[in-house]
N, C-alpha and C. Protein backbone atom coordinates (compact mmCIF):
# COMPACT_ATOMS: atom_id res chain seq x y z
N MET A 1 40.09 9.84 5.14
CA MET A 1 41.15 10.21 4.22
C MET A 1 42.51 9.87 4.82
N CYS A 2 42.67 10.18 6.10
CA CYS A 2 43.94 9.89 6.77
C CYS A 2 44.22 8.39 6.78
N PHE A 3 43.18 7.60 7.05
CA PHE A 3 43.33 6.15 7.04
C PHE A 3 43.73 5.66 5.65
N ALA A 4 43.07 6.17 4.64
CA ALA A 4 43.36 5.75 3.26
C ALA A 4 44.79 6.10 2.87
N LEU A 5 45.21 7.31 3.15
CA LEU A 5 46.55 7.75 2.77
C LEU A 5 47.62 6.96 3.52
N THR A 6 47.45 6.81 4.83
CA THR A 6 48.44 6.09 5.63
C THR A 6 48.52 4.63 5.21
N SER A 7 47.38 4.02 4.94
CA SER A 7 47.38 2.62 4.49
C SER A 7 48.12 2.46 3.18
N VAL A 8 47.83 3.31 2.22
CA VAL A 8 48.49 3.22 0.91
C VAL A 8 49.99 3.49 1.06
N LEU A 9 50.36 4.45 1.88
CA LEU A 9 51.77 4.78 2.07
C LEU A 9 52.53 3.62 2.71
N CYS A 10 51.97 3.03 3.76
CA CYS A 10 52.61 1.90 4.43
C CYS A 10 52.75 0.70 3.50
N LEU A 11 51.66 0.33 2.85
CA LEU A 11 51.67 -0.86 2.01
C LEU A 11 52.49 -0.68 0.75
N SER A 12 52.45 0.50 0.15
CA SER A 12 53.26 0.71 -1.05
C SER A 12 54.74 0.66 -0.71
N ASN A 13 55.14 1.28 0.40
CA ASN A 13 56.53 1.19 0.82
C ASN A 13 56.94 -0.25 1.09
N LEU A 14 56.07 -0.99 1.77
CA LEU A 14 56.36 -2.39 2.09
C LEU A 14 56.55 -3.21 0.81
N PHE A 15 55.60 -3.13 -0.11
CA PHE A 15 55.67 -3.95 -1.32
C PHE A 15 56.80 -3.53 -2.26
N VAL A 16 57.03 -2.22 -2.38
CA VAL A 16 58.14 -1.76 -3.22
C VAL A 16 59.46 -2.26 -2.64
N SER A 17 59.58 -2.22 -1.33
CA SER A 17 60.80 -2.69 -0.69
C SER A 17 61.01 -4.19 -0.90
N ILE A 18 59.93 -4.94 -0.85
CA ILE A 18 60.02 -6.40 -1.04
C ILE A 18 60.47 -6.75 -2.46
N ILE A 19 59.94 -6.03 -3.45
CA ILE A 19 60.25 -6.38 -4.85
C ILE A 19 61.33 -5.50 -5.47
N ARG A 20 61.96 -4.65 -4.69
CA ARG A 20 62.90 -3.66 -5.24
C ARG A 20 64.05 -4.28 -6.03
N ASN A 21 64.54 -5.43 -5.63
CA ASN A 21 65.66 -6.05 -6.33
C ASN A 21 65.24 -6.78 -7.59
N HIS A 22 63.95 -6.89 -7.83
CA HIS A 22 63.44 -7.59 -9.00
C HIS A 22 62.84 -6.64 -10.04
N ILE A 23 62.88 -5.34 -9.77
CA ILE A 23 62.31 -4.35 -10.70
C ILE A 23 63.43 -3.83 -11.60
N PRO A 24 63.29 -3.97 -12.91
CA PRO A 24 64.30 -3.38 -13.81
C PRO A 24 64.29 -1.86 -13.67
N THR A 25 65.45 -1.28 -13.74
CA THR A 25 65.60 0.17 -13.52
C THR A 25 64.77 0.99 -14.49
N ASN A 26 64.69 0.56 -15.73
CA ASN A 26 63.99 1.37 -16.74
C ASN A 26 62.47 1.37 -16.58
N VAL A 27 61.89 0.48 -15.75
CA VAL A 27 60.44 0.47 -15.56
C VAL A 27 60.04 0.61 -14.09
N ARG A 28 60.97 1.01 -13.25
CA ARG A 28 60.67 1.05 -11.82
C ARG A 28 59.55 2.04 -11.47
N MET A 29 59.52 3.18 -12.13
CA MET A 29 58.47 4.17 -11.85
C MET A 29 57.10 3.65 -12.28
N ILE A 30 57.04 2.98 -13.40
CA ILE A 30 55.78 2.42 -13.87
C ILE A 30 55.28 1.35 -12.91
N VAL A 31 56.18 0.51 -12.44
CA VAL A 31 55.80 -0.52 -11.47
C VAL A 31 55.30 0.12 -10.18
N GLN A 32 55.98 1.16 -9.71
CA GLN A 32 55.57 1.82 -8.48
C GLN A 32 54.19 2.47 -8.63
N ILE A 33 53.96 3.16 -9.74
CA ILE A 33 52.66 3.80 -9.96
C ILE A 33 51.56 2.74 -10.05
N THR A 34 51.83 1.64 -10.73
CA THR A 34 50.84 0.57 -10.85
C THR A 34 50.52 -0.02 -9.48
N LEU A 35 51.56 -0.23 -8.68
CA LEU A 35 51.37 -0.76 -7.33
C LEU A 35 50.56 0.20 -6.46
N ILE A 36 50.90 1.47 -6.51
CA ILE A 36 50.18 2.48 -5.72
C ILE A 36 48.73 2.58 -6.19
N ALA A 37 48.50 2.59 -7.50
CA ALA A 37 47.14 2.66 -8.02
C ALA A 37 46.32 1.44 -7.59
N SER A 38 46.94 0.27 -7.61
CA SER A 38 46.23 -0.95 -7.17
C SER A 38 45.85 -0.87 -5.70
N LEU A 39 46.77 -0.36 -4.89
CA LEU A 39 46.47 -0.22 -3.45
C LEU A 39 45.38 0.81 -3.20
N VAL A 40 45.37 1.88 -3.99
CA VAL A 40 44.32 2.89 -3.85
C VAL A 40 42.96 2.29 -4.18
N VAL A 41 42.90 1.48 -5.23
CA VAL A 41 41.63 0.82 -5.60
C VAL A 41 41.17 -0.10 -4.47
N ILE A 42 42.09 -0.85 -3.90
CA ILE A 42 41.74 -1.75 -2.80
C ILE A 42 41.24 -0.97 -1.59
N VAL A 43 41.94 0.09 -1.21
CA VAL A 43 41.52 0.90 -0.07
C VAL A 43 40.17 1.55 -0.34
N ASP A 44 39.96 2.02 -1.56
CA ASP A 44 38.68 2.62 -1.92
C ASP A 44 37.55 1.59 -1.82
N GLU A 45 37.79 0.37 -2.27
CA GLU A 45 36.77 -0.68 -2.18
C GLU A 45 36.48 -1.05 -0.72
N VAL A 46 37.51 -1.11 0.10
CA VAL A 46 37.31 -1.40 1.53
C VAL A 46 36.49 -0.28 2.17
N LEU A 47 36.81 0.95 1.81
CA LEU A 47 36.06 2.09 2.34
C LEU A 47 34.59 2.04 1.90
N LYS A 48 34.34 1.67 0.65
CA LYS A 48 32.96 1.54 0.16
C LYS A 48 32.22 0.43 0.90
N ALA A 49 32.92 -0.65 1.20
CA ALA A 49 32.28 -1.80 1.86
C ALA A 49 31.95 -1.53 3.32
N TYR A 50 32.80 -0.81 4.02
CA TYR A 50 32.62 -0.65 5.46
C TYR A 50 32.10 0.72 5.90
N ASP A 51 32.25 1.74 5.06
CA ASP A 51 31.76 3.06 5.41
C ASP A 51 31.36 3.79 4.13
N TYR A 52 30.21 3.39 3.60
CA TYR A 52 29.78 3.87 2.29
C TYR A 52 29.55 5.38 2.26
N GLU A 53 28.97 5.93 3.32
CA GLU A 53 28.69 7.38 3.34
C GLU A 53 29.98 8.18 3.27
N THR A 54 30.97 7.78 4.04
CA THR A 54 32.26 8.47 3.99
C THR A 54 32.90 8.29 2.62
N SER A 55 32.76 7.10 2.06
CA SER A 55 33.32 6.83 0.73
C SER A 55 32.71 7.75 -0.32
N LYS A 56 31.40 8.01 -0.24
CA LYS A 56 30.75 8.92 -1.18
C LYS A 56 31.27 10.34 -1.00
N THR A 57 31.54 10.72 0.25
CA THR A 57 31.98 12.09 0.54
C THR A 57 33.40 12.34 0.07
N ILE A 58 34.31 11.42 0.34
CA ILE A 58 35.72 11.66 0.02
C ILE A 58 36.23 10.81 -1.14
N GLY A 59 35.35 10.13 -1.83
CA GLY A 59 35.75 9.21 -2.89
C GLY A 59 36.66 9.80 -3.94
N VAL A 60 36.37 11.02 -4.40
CA VAL A 60 37.18 11.63 -5.44
C VAL A 60 38.58 11.95 -4.91
N PHE A 61 38.69 12.27 -3.63
CA PHE A 61 39.99 12.60 -3.06
C PHE A 61 40.84 11.35 -2.83
N VAL A 62 40.20 10.22 -2.53
CA VAL A 62 40.94 8.97 -2.37
C VAL A 62 41.61 8.61 -3.69
N ALA A 63 40.91 8.80 -4.78
CA ALA A 63 41.48 8.49 -6.09
C ALA A 63 42.70 9.36 -6.38
N LEU A 64 42.76 10.55 -5.83
CA LEU A 64 43.89 11.45 -6.06
C LEU A 64 45.15 11.03 -5.31
N ILE A 65 45.04 10.06 -4.41
CA ILE A 65 46.23 9.57 -3.70
C ILE A 65 47.25 9.03 -4.70
N VAL A 66 46.78 8.48 -5.81
CA VAL A 66 47.69 7.93 -6.82
C VAL A 66 48.65 9.00 -7.31
N THR A 67 48.17 10.21 -7.47
CA THR A 67 49.00 11.29 -8.01
C THR A 67 49.76 12.04 -6.92
N ASN A 68 49.61 11.64 -5.68
CA ASN A 68 50.27 12.33 -4.58
C ASN A 68 51.77 12.07 -4.62
N CYS A 69 52.53 13.12 -4.68
CA CYS A 69 53.99 13.00 -4.78
C CYS A 69 54.61 12.44 -3.50
N ILE A 70 53.96 12.58 -2.37
CA ILE A 70 54.50 12.05 -1.13
C ILE A 70 54.58 10.53 -1.21
N VAL A 71 53.53 9.90 -1.70
CA VAL A 71 53.51 8.44 -1.80
C VAL A 71 54.58 7.97 -2.77
N MET A 72 54.62 8.57 -3.94
CA MET A 72 55.61 8.18 -4.94
C MET A 72 57.02 8.50 -4.48
N GLY A 73 57.19 9.63 -3.87
CA GLY A 73 58.52 10.04 -3.40
C GLY A 73 59.09 9.11 -2.34
N ARG A 74 58.24 8.68 -1.41
CA ARG A 74 58.71 7.77 -0.37
C ARG A 74 59.03 6.40 -0.94
N ALA A 75 58.24 5.95 -1.91
CA ALA A 75 58.53 4.66 -2.53
C ALA A 75 59.86 4.73 -3.28
N GLU A 76 60.10 5.81 -3.97
CA GLU A 76 61.32 5.95 -4.76
C GLU A 76 62.54 6.23 -3.88
N ALA A 77 62.41 7.17 -2.95
CA ALA A 77 63.58 7.60 -2.19
C ALA A 77 63.92 6.68 -1.03
N TYR A 78 62.93 6.09 -0.40
CA TYR A 78 63.22 5.29 0.80
C TYR A 78 63.04 3.79 0.58
N ALA A 79 61.89 3.39 0.08
CA ALA A 79 61.59 1.96 -0.02
C ALA A 79 62.51 1.25 -1.00
N MET A 80 62.97 1.95 -2.02
CA MET A 80 63.88 1.32 -3.00
C MET A 80 65.27 1.09 -2.40
N GLN A 81 65.57 1.72 -1.27
CA GLN A 81 66.91 1.63 -0.68
C GLN A 81 66.95 0.81 0.61
N ASN A 82 65.79 0.52 1.21
CA ASN A 82 65.76 -0.08 2.54
C ASN A 82 64.89 -1.33 2.57
N GLY A 83 65.00 -2.06 3.67
CA GLY A 83 64.26 -3.29 3.85
C GLY A 83 62.79 -3.07 4.11
N PRO A 84 62.00 -4.16 4.10
CA PRO A 84 60.54 -4.06 4.24
C PRO A 84 60.08 -3.43 5.57
N TRP A 85 60.65 -3.84 6.69
CA TRP A 85 60.18 -3.35 7.98
C TRP A 85 60.43 -1.85 8.13
N LEU A 86 61.65 -1.42 7.81
CA LEU A 86 61.95 0.01 7.90
C LEU A 86 61.12 0.82 6.91
N SER A 87 60.89 0.27 5.73
CA SER A 87 60.07 0.96 4.74
C SER A 87 58.63 1.09 5.21
N PHE A 88 58.10 0.04 5.83
CA PHE A 88 56.75 0.09 6.38
C PHE A 88 56.66 1.17 7.46
N LEU A 89 57.65 1.20 8.36
CA LEU A 89 57.65 2.21 9.42
C LEU A 89 57.81 3.61 8.86
N ASP A 90 58.60 3.76 7.80
CA ASP A 90 58.74 5.06 7.16
C ASP A 90 57.40 5.50 6.58
N GLY A 91 56.69 4.57 5.95
CA GLY A 91 55.37 4.88 5.42
C GLY A 91 54.39 5.26 6.51
N LEU A 92 54.46 4.53 7.63
CA LEU A 92 53.58 4.84 8.77
C LEU A 92 53.88 6.23 9.33
N GLY A 93 55.15 6.53 9.53
CA GLY A 93 55.52 7.85 10.06
C GLY A 93 55.13 8.98 9.14
N ASN A 94 55.40 8.82 7.86
CA ASN A 94 55.04 9.86 6.89
C ASN A 94 53.54 9.98 6.74
N GLY A 95 52.85 8.85 6.75
CA GLY A 95 51.39 8.88 6.66
C GLY A 95 50.75 9.58 7.84
N LEU A 96 51.24 9.28 9.04
CA LEU A 96 50.70 9.93 10.24
C LEU A 96 51.05 11.41 10.27
N GLY A 97 52.26 11.75 9.82
CA GLY A 97 52.64 13.17 9.77
C GLY A 97 51.79 13.95 8.78
N TYR A 98 51.58 13.37 7.61
CA TYR A 98 50.74 14.02 6.60
C TYR A 98 49.29 14.09 7.10
N SER A 99 48.85 13.06 7.80
CA SER A 99 47.49 13.06 8.36
C SER A 99 47.33 14.17 9.39
N LEU A 100 48.37 14.39 10.18
CA LEU A 100 48.32 15.48 11.16
C LEU A 100 48.15 16.82 10.47
N ILE A 101 48.87 17.03 9.39
CA ILE A 101 48.73 18.28 8.62
C ILE A 101 47.32 18.40 8.06
N LEU A 102 46.78 17.31 7.51
CA LEU A 102 45.41 17.33 6.99
C LEU A 102 44.41 17.71 8.08
N ILE A 103 44.58 17.14 9.27
CA ILE A 103 43.66 17.41 10.38
C ILE A 103 43.79 18.85 10.84
N ILE A 104 45.01 19.36 10.94
CA ILE A 104 45.20 20.76 11.37
C ILE A 104 44.56 21.72 10.38
N VAL A 105 44.82 21.50 9.09
CA VAL A 105 44.25 22.39 8.06
C VAL A 105 42.72 22.29 8.05
N ALA A 106 42.19 21.07 8.13
CA ALA A 106 40.73 20.90 8.13
C ALA A 106 40.09 21.54 9.35
N THR A 107 40.74 21.43 10.50
CA THR A 107 40.20 22.03 11.73
C THR A 107 40.15 23.55 11.62
N ILE A 108 41.23 24.14 11.15
CA ILE A 108 41.26 25.61 10.99
C ILE A 108 40.21 26.06 9.99
N ARG A 109 40.11 25.33 8.86
CA ARG A 109 39.13 25.71 7.84
C ARG A 109 37.70 25.61 8.36
N GLU A 110 37.40 24.53 9.09
CA GLU A 110 36.04 24.36 9.60
C GLU A 110 35.72 25.40 10.67
N LEU A 111 36.67 25.64 11.57
CA LEU A 111 36.42 26.59 12.65
C LEU A 111 36.20 28.00 12.14
N PHE A 112 37.10 28.47 11.29
CA PHE A 112 36.98 29.85 10.81
C PHE A 112 36.06 30.00 9.62
N GLY A 113 35.80 28.92 8.91
CA GLY A 113 34.90 28.99 7.77
C GLY A 113 33.44 28.96 8.17
N SER A 114 33.07 27.99 9.01
CA SER A 114 31.66 27.86 9.39
C SER A 114 31.41 28.02 10.88
N GLY A 115 32.48 28.21 11.65
CA GLY A 115 32.32 28.43 13.09
C GLY A 115 32.03 27.16 13.88
N THR A 116 32.24 26.00 13.28
CA THR A 116 31.92 24.74 13.95
C THR A 116 33.16 23.84 14.03
N LEU A 117 33.09 22.87 14.94
CA LEU A 117 34.06 21.79 15.02
C LEU A 117 33.29 20.50 15.24
N PHE A 118 33.48 19.54 14.36
CA PHE A 118 32.78 18.25 14.43
C PHE A 118 31.27 18.43 14.49
N GLY A 119 30.77 19.48 13.82
CA GLY A 119 29.34 19.72 13.75
C GLY A 119 28.78 20.53 14.91
N TYR A 120 29.60 20.83 15.92
CA TYR A 120 29.15 21.63 17.07
C TYR A 120 29.55 23.08 16.86
N GLU A 121 28.59 23.97 17.09
CA GLU A 121 28.86 25.39 16.88
C GLU A 121 29.76 25.91 18.00
N ILE A 122 30.94 26.37 17.62
CA ILE A 122 31.91 26.91 18.57
C ILE A 122 31.86 28.44 18.53
N LEU A 123 31.94 28.99 17.34
CA LEU A 123 31.83 30.43 17.15
C LEU A 123 30.42 30.71 16.63
N ILE A 124 29.62 31.36 17.44
CA ILE A 124 28.21 31.57 17.08
C ILE A 124 28.13 32.61 15.96
N LEU A 125 27.56 32.18 14.84
CA LEU A 125 27.46 33.03 13.66
C LEU A 125 26.44 34.14 13.86
N THR A 126 26.60 35.22 13.11
CA THR A 126 25.68 36.35 13.22
C THR A 126 24.26 35.96 12.86
N GLN A 127 24.06 35.06 11.92
CA GLN A 127 22.70 34.66 11.55
C GLN A 127 22.03 33.83 12.64
N ASN A 128 22.82 33.34 13.62
CA ASN A 128 22.26 32.59 14.75
C ASN A 128 22.25 33.43 16.02
N GLY A 129 22.43 34.73 15.88
CA GLY A 129 22.37 35.62 17.04
C GLY A 129 23.72 35.87 17.69
N GLY A 130 24.78 35.38 17.10
CA GLY A 130 26.13 35.57 17.65
C GLY A 130 26.82 36.76 17.04
N SER A 131 28.13 36.80 17.25
CA SER A 131 28.91 37.93 16.75
C SER A 131 29.95 37.53 15.71
N TYR A 132 30.02 36.24 15.35
CA TYR A 132 31.03 35.80 14.38
C TYR A 132 30.44 35.77 12.98
N LEU A 133 31.14 36.41 12.07
CA LEU A 133 30.77 36.39 10.66
C LEU A 133 31.70 35.40 9.97
N GLY A 134 31.15 34.29 9.49
CA GLY A 134 31.97 33.23 8.89
C GLY A 134 32.84 33.71 7.75
N ASN A 135 34.04 33.19 7.68
CA ASN A 135 34.98 33.54 6.62
C ASN A 135 34.73 32.59 5.45
N ASN A 136 34.03 33.06 4.44
CA ASN A 136 33.66 32.21 3.32
C ASN A 136 34.86 31.69 2.54
N TYR A 137 35.99 32.41 2.59
CA TYR A 137 37.17 31.94 1.87
C TYR A 137 37.69 30.64 2.47
N MET A 138 37.57 30.47 3.79
CA MET A 138 38.05 29.26 4.45
C MET A 138 37.29 28.01 4.01
N VAL A 139 36.10 28.18 3.50
CA VAL A 139 35.31 27.04 3.04
C VAL A 139 35.78 26.57 1.66
N LEU A 140 36.43 27.45 0.92
CA LEU A 140 36.92 27.11 -0.42
C LEU A 140 38.19 26.25 -0.34
N SER A 141 38.37 25.41 -1.34
CA SER A 141 39.54 24.52 -1.37
C SER A 141 40.86 25.27 -1.42
N SER A 142 40.87 26.40 -2.09
CA SER A 142 42.12 27.16 -2.25
C SER A 142 42.68 27.66 -0.92
N SER A 143 41.85 27.77 0.10
CA SER A 143 42.36 28.22 1.40
C SER A 143 43.33 27.21 2.00
N SER A 144 43.24 25.96 1.60
CA SER A 144 44.18 24.95 2.10
C SER A 144 45.61 25.30 1.73
N PHE A 145 45.82 25.77 0.51
CA PHE A 145 47.17 26.12 0.08
C PHE A 145 47.72 27.29 0.89
N ILE A 146 46.87 28.28 1.15
CA ILE A 146 47.30 29.42 1.96
C ILE A 146 47.65 28.95 3.37
N LEU A 147 46.81 28.11 3.95
CA LEU A 147 47.07 27.62 5.32
C LEU A 147 48.34 26.78 5.39
N ILE A 148 48.57 25.92 4.41
CA ILE A 148 49.79 25.12 4.41
C ILE A 148 51.01 26.03 4.28
N GLY A 149 50.93 27.04 3.43
CA GLY A 149 52.02 28.01 3.32
C GLY A 149 52.27 28.73 4.63
N LEU A 150 51.21 29.12 5.31
CA LEU A 150 51.36 29.78 6.62
C LEU A 150 51.95 28.83 7.66
N LEU A 151 51.53 27.56 7.63
CA LEU A 151 52.10 26.59 8.58
C LEU A 151 53.59 26.39 8.33
N ILE A 152 53.99 26.33 7.07
CA ILE A 152 55.42 26.20 6.75
C ILE A 152 56.17 27.44 7.23
N TRP A 153 55.60 28.62 6.99
CA TRP A 153 56.24 29.85 7.43
C TRP A 153 56.38 29.89 8.95
N LEU A 154 55.32 29.49 9.68
CA LEU A 154 55.39 29.46 11.14
C LEU A 154 56.44 28.47 11.64
N LEU A 155 56.48 27.29 11.04
CA LEU A 155 57.46 26.28 11.44
C LEU A 155 58.89 26.77 11.20
N ARG A 156 59.13 27.38 10.06
CA ARG A 156 60.48 27.84 9.75
C ARG A 156 60.85 29.10 10.52
N SER A 157 59.88 29.87 10.98
CA SER A 157 60.17 31.00 11.85
C SER A 157 60.50 30.52 13.25
N TRP A 158 59.83 29.47 13.68
CA TRP A 158 60.04 28.91 15.01
C TRP A 158 61.33 28.08 15.07
N LYS A 159 61.55 27.26 14.06
CA LYS A 159 62.74 26.41 13.99
C LYS A 159 63.57 26.85 12.79
N VAL A 160 64.51 27.74 13.04
CA VAL A 160 65.30 28.34 11.97
C VAL A 160 66.12 27.29 11.22
N GLU A 161 66.47 26.19 11.87
CA GLU A 161 67.25 25.14 11.20
C GLU A 161 66.46 24.45 10.09
N GLN A 162 65.13 24.69 10.02
CA GLN A 162 64.31 24.12 8.96
C GLN A 162 64.44 24.87 7.64
N ILE A 163 65.04 26.06 7.68
CA ILE A 163 65.20 26.86 6.47
C ILE A 163 66.29 26.22 5.61
N GLU A 164 65.95 25.97 4.36
CA GLU A 164 66.89 25.32 3.43
C GLU A 164 67.75 26.37 2.75
N GLU A 165 68.99 25.98 2.47
CA GLU A 165 69.89 26.85 1.71
C GLU A 165 69.49 26.79 0.24
N PRO A 166 69.48 27.93 -0.44
CA PRO A 166 69.13 27.89 -1.87
C PRO A 166 70.22 27.16 -2.66
N GLU A 167 69.80 26.45 -3.70
CA GLU A 167 70.74 25.71 -4.53
C GLU A 167 71.51 26.63 -5.47
N PHE A 168 70.96 27.81 -5.75
CA PHE A 168 71.63 28.75 -6.64
C PHE A 168 71.25 30.16 -6.22
N GLN A 169 72.03 31.13 -6.65
CA GLN A 169 71.76 32.53 -6.37
C GLN A 169 71.32 33.21 -7.66
N VAL A 170 70.30 34.02 -7.56
CA VAL A 170 69.81 34.77 -8.71
C VAL A 170 70.53 36.11 -8.74
N ALA A 171 71.08 36.45 -9.89
CA ALA A 171 71.76 37.74 -10.04
C ALA A 171 70.74 38.86 -9.96
N ARG A 172 71.10 39.94 -9.26
CA ARG A 172 70.16 41.05 -9.09
C ARG A 172 70.02 41.88 -10.36
N ASN A 173 71.09 42.05 -11.07
CA ASN A 173 71.02 42.76 -12.35
C ASN A 173 72.15 42.28 -13.24
N ASN A 174 72.20 42.75 -14.45
CA ASN A 174 73.22 42.31 -15.40
C ASN A 174 74.62 42.72 -15.00
N LEU A 175 74.77 43.83 -14.27
CA LEU A 175 76.09 44.32 -13.90
C LEU A 175 76.80 43.35 -12.96
N GLU A 176 76.07 42.64 -12.11
CA GLU A 176 76.69 41.71 -11.18
C GLU A 176 77.24 40.49 -11.89
N THR A 177 76.71 40.17 -13.04
CA THR A 177 77.16 38.97 -13.75
C THR A 177 78.40 39.26 -14.60
N LYS A 178 78.69 40.52 -14.84
CA LYS A 178 79.85 40.87 -15.65
C LYS A 178 81.02 41.19 -14.73
N GLU A 179 82.19 41.15 -15.28
CA GLU A 179 83.37 41.45 -14.47
C GLU A 179 83.34 42.91 -14.07
N ALA A 180 83.96 43.20 -12.93
CA ALA A 180 84.02 44.58 -12.44
C ALA A 180 84.78 45.44 -13.44
N GLY A 181 84.30 46.62 -13.68
CA GLY A 181 84.97 47.55 -14.57
C GLY A 181 84.46 47.54 -15.99
N THR A 182 83.75 46.52 -16.39
CA THR A 182 83.20 46.51 -17.75
C THR A 182 81.74 46.90 -17.69
N ARG A 183 81.38 47.91 -18.44
CA ARG A 183 80.00 48.39 -18.46
C ARG A 183 79.45 48.30 -19.86
N VAL A 184 78.15 48.13 -19.90
CA VAL A 184 77.46 48.05 -21.19
C VAL A 184 76.90 49.39 -21.55
């Protein structure tokens, strides 16, 4: 999955950057989506040709790369503004960074969900004579969202400069939005 995502990110940034001056503004998003979808099909076919078992396992997730906002966002925000080499490197950096997050989340889910890493039993489960009771929630897909939220929280607690300023303030009640002295 990491290989597929990083490949699509690098190549889409490269190709969008190469053709950026020839894309009419009113169809640029359609061109980018078409380009990304084409690259996903190519990567999926390469994966089927060289590692069919892995392709069967993650095939549905590879197809979802097309809808991934990271790929589209980098093509729109960076590749449309910069040259091919820098765009390729941006895709590589973002792909590797996203891959690192995927690996961290998958490792935590596998370790605490089934007690194994890479198929080797690390935490001996109670049914195998150990003392660890597997966390069934970690095996579910929804645990990924919780883990990513926790990783963001940990990062922003550790590096306070990562906390973003809100774009707007929400009024606490109606009285704060009215001038002082006027009551309803």
